[in-house]
């Protein structure tokens, strides 16, 4: 998995590329939690447009990051959900707990 982080004012965008699974979710977790620790407030956007597959470990990681963001009063948003990740979040009935935007730009403006 490739993880790139971009800082834009009081926001940070974490762009992911590759499968988000048991082998890569620790890297995903570390990248997002590092960004969340840097933010006293603001927004963190996780861009999943480069991810075609996520498993339960990646879903658990996203939930952990969402909880961490909420405790730190950071807005946590997802964007770029392809069919695979969207289907997993829908099937697990977790899609409604995340703030999801169709594009990175919209997630940053919200």
Protein backbone atom coordinates (compact mmCIF):
# COMPACT_ATOMS: atom_id res chain seq x y z
CA UNK A 1 0.00 0.00 0.00
CA UNK A 2 1.16 3.48 -0.78
CA UNK A 3 0.26 6.24 1.67
CA UNK A 4 0.80 9.92 0.87
CA UNK A 5 -0.10 12.77 3.21
CA UNK A 6 -0.76 16.31 2.08
CA UNK A 7 -1.22 19.21 4.52
CA UNK A 8 -3.51 22.04 3.39
CA UNK A 9 -3.99 24.75 6.03
CA UNK A 10 -5.75 23.18 9.00
CA UNK A 11 -6.59 20.08 6.97
CA UNK A 12 -4.69 16.97 6.03
CA UNK A 13 -5.41 14.54 3.22
CA UNK A 14 -4.23 10.95 3.46
CA UNK A 15 -4.23 9.38 0.00
CA UNK A 16 -4.17 5.60 -0.19
CA UNK A 17 -3.28 3.36 -3.09
CA UNK A 18 -3.45 -0.42 -3.06
CA UNK A 19 -5.38 -3.00 -1.06
CA UNK A 20 -6.33 -2.15 2.52
CA UNK A 21 -6.16 -5.51 4.24
CA UNK A 22 -4.65 -7.29 7.22
CA UNK A 23 -1.14 -6.90 5.81
CA UNK A 24 -1.45 -3.16 5.13
CA UNK A 25 -3.91 -1.91 7.75
CA UNK A 26 -1.12 -1.30 10.34
CA UNK A 27 0.50 1.12 7.88
CA UNK A 28 -2.86 2.78 7.23
CA UNK A 29 -3.54 3.00 10.97
CA UNK A 30 -0.15 4.54 11.72
CA UNK A 31 -0.40 7.11 8.91
CA UNK A 32 -3.87 8.33 9.87
CA UNK A 33 -3.26 8.30 13.63
CA UNK A 34 -0.03 10.27 13.14
CA UNK A 35 -1.97 12.92 11.23
CA UNK A 36 -4.72 12.96 13.86
CA UNK A 37 -2.14 13.48 16.63
CA UNK A 38 -0.82 16.53 14.76
CA UNK A 39 -4.26 18.11 14.53
CA UNK A 40 -5.62 19.99 17.53
CA UNK A 41 -8.63 20.80 15.36
CA UNK A 42 -9.37 20.87 11.69
CA UNK A 43 -10.07 18.15 9.19
CA UNK A 44 -8.57 14.84 8.13
CA UNK A 45 -9.69 13.43 4.78
CA UNK A 46 -8.87 9.83 3.85
CA UNK A 47 -8.94 9.50 0.07
CA UNK A 48 -9.67 5.89 -0.92
CA UNK A 49 -9.86 6.47 -4.68
CA UNK A 50 -6.77 4.28 -5.16
CA UNK A 51 -8.23 1.41 -3.10
CA UNK A 52 -10.27 -1.34 -4.74
CA UNK A 53 -10.36 -3.77 -1.80
CA UNK A 54 -10.74 -3.42 1.95
CA UNK A 55 -11.18 -6.15 4.54
CA UNK A 56 -12.45 -6.17 8.11
CA UNK A 57 -9.08 -5.15 9.55
CA UNK A 58 -9.06 -2.00 7.41
CA UNK A 59 -12.66 -1.26 8.39
CA UNK A 60 -11.69 -1.63 12.06
CA UNK A 61 -8.78 0.75 11.45
CA UNK A 62 -11.08 3.36 9.90
CA UNK A 63 -13.47 3.06 12.86
CA UNK A 64 -10.59 3.49 15.30
CA UNK A 65 -9.45 6.59 13.41
CA UNK A 66 -12.99 7.98 13.40
CA UNK A 67 -13.20 7.54 17.18
CA UNK A 68 -9.79 9.13 17.68
CA UNK A 69 -10.82 12.09 15.51
CA UNK A 70 -14.06 12.54 17.44
CA UNK A 71 -12.23 12.55 20.77
CA UNK A 72 -9.87 15.22 19.42
CA UNK A 73 -12.65 17.28 17.82
CA UNK A 74 -11.20 16.69 14.35
CA UNK A 75 -13.51 16.29 11.37
CA UNK A 76 -12.85 12.87 9.82
CA UNK A 77 -14.05 12.38 6.26
CA UNK A 78 -13.76 9.72 3.59
CA UNK A 79 -13.72 10.31 -0.12
CA UNK A 80 -13.17 8.37 -3.33
CA UNK A 81 -14.99 5.19 -2.33
CA UNK A 82 -14.78 2.72 -5.18
CA UNK A 83 -17.29 -0.09 -5.53
CA UNK A 84 -15.40 -2.58 -3.33
CA UNK A 85 -14.91 -0.39 -0.26
CA UNK A 86 -18.40 1.09 -0.61
CA UNK A 87 -19.91 -2.39 -0.75
CA UNK A 88 -18.02 -3.56 2.35
CA UNK A 89 -19.09 -0.50 4.33
CA UNK A 90 -22.68 -0.91 3.13
CA UNK A 91 -22.84 -4.63 3.92
CA UNK A 92 -21.49 -4.04 7.42
CA UNK A 93 -23.99 -1.19 7.86
CA UNK A 94 -21.15 1.16 8.73
CA UNK A 95 -21.45 3.45 5.73
CA UNK A 96 -23.70 5.83 7.64
CA UNK A 97 -21.27 6.36 10.51
CA UNK A 98 -18.70 7.97 8.20
CA UNK A 99 -18.93 11.38 6.58
CA UNK A 100 -18.42 10.49 2.91
CA UNK A 101 -17.89 12.95 0.07
CA UNK A 102 -17.66 12.31 -3.68
CA UNK A 103 -14.42 14.25 -4.10
CA UNK A 104 -11.42 15.39 -2.11
CA UNK A 105 -12.25 19.02 -2.86
CA UNK A 106 -15.79 18.66 -1.51
CA UNK A 107 -14.54 16.90 1.61
CA UNK A 108 -12.15 19.78 2.28
CA UNK A 109 -14.86 22.40 1.75
CA UNK A 110 -17.56 20.72 3.88
